[in-house]
């Protein structure tokens, strides 16, 4: 009976963490939860390139 309780608690935790990953936008499949490393998560924006003196860093337009 205790083993069944542990199994149900573990299954509930697994489904809960998988649901949280889906809500947060992580691309994790249910079988991937059991792997030691997960695939890449959210897609992050590329870091901004170098700024040129005399340009607006947010738009890249030359300030004249």
Protein backbone atom coordinates (compact mmCIF):
# COMPACT_ATOMS: atom_id res chain seq x y z
CA UNK A 1 0.00 0.00 0.00
CA UNK A 2 2.86 2.40 0.79
CA UNK A 3 4.48 1.60 -2.56
CA UNK A 4 1.27 2.56 -4.36
CA UNK A 5 1.15 5.83 -2.42
CA UNK A 6 4.76 6.66 -3.34
CA UNK A 7 4.08 5.80 -6.99
CA UNK A 8 1.01 8.04 -7.08
CA UNK A 9 2.88 10.92 -5.43
CA UNK A 10 5.78 10.53 -7.87
CA UNK A 11 3.40 10.39 -10.85
CA UNK A 12 1.56 13.50 -9.63
CA UNK A 13 4.83 15.37 -9.21
CA UNK A 14 6.01 14.32 -12.68
CA UNK A 15 2.80 15.40 -14.37
CA UNK A 16 2.85 18.66 -12.41
CA UNK A 17 6.41 19.54 -13.41
CA UNK A 18 5.64 18.64 -17.03
CA UNK A 19 2.57 20.91 -16.98
CA UNK A 20 4.64 23.73 -15.49
CA UNK A 21 7.20 23.31 -18.28
CA UNK A 22 4.45 23.50 -20.90
CA UNK A 23 2.94 26.64 -19.36
CA UNK A 24 6.36 28.31 -19.22
CA UNK A 25 7.01 27.50 -22.88
CA UNK A 26 9.80 24.94 -22.45
CA UNK A 27 10.01 22.36 -25.21
CA UNK A 28 10.23 19.30 -22.93
CA UNK A 29 8.44 16.06 -23.73
CA UNK A 30 7.20 13.79 -20.97
CA UNK A 31 9.89 11.14 -21.66
CA UNK A 32 12.57 13.87 -21.62
CA UNK A 33 11.77 14.53 -17.95
CA UNK A 34 13.47 11.24 -17.11
CA UNK A 35 16.72 12.08 -18.90
CA UNK A 36 19.69 13.56 -17.05
CA UNK A 37 19.83 16.56 -19.42
CA UNK A 38 16.95 18.39 -21.04
CA UNK A 39 16.82 19.74 -24.56
CA UNK A 40 17.07 23.48 -25.10
CA UNK A 41 14.43 25.55 -23.36
CA UNK A 42 12.94 28.83 -24.41
CA UNK A 43 14.35 30.53 -27.45
CA UNK A 44 16.30 33.55 -26.35
CA UNK A 45 16.85 36.66 -28.39
CA UNK A 46 20.29 37.18 -29.90
CA UNK A 47 22.48 39.59 -27.97
CA UNK A 48 22.59 43.09 -29.43
CA UNK A 49 25.40 43.81 -31.82
CA UNK A 50 28.04 46.46 -31.29
CA UNK A 51 26.82 50.04 -31.27
CA UNK A 52 28.31 52.67 -33.53
CA UNK A 53 29.05 56.07 -32.01
CA UNK A 54 26.42 58.59 -33.03
CA UNK A 55 23.59 56.07 -33.42
CA UNK A 56 20.61 55.32 -31.24
CA UNK A 57 21.38 51.92 -29.64
CA UNK A 58 17.71 50.91 -29.56
CA UNK A 59 16.94 51.59 -33.23
CA UNK A 60 20.35 51.85 -34.91
CA UNK A 61 19.33 55.14 -36.57
CA UNK A 62 22.06 57.74 -36.95
CA UNK A 63 21.60 60.80 -34.77
CA UNK A 64 22.43 63.85 -36.84
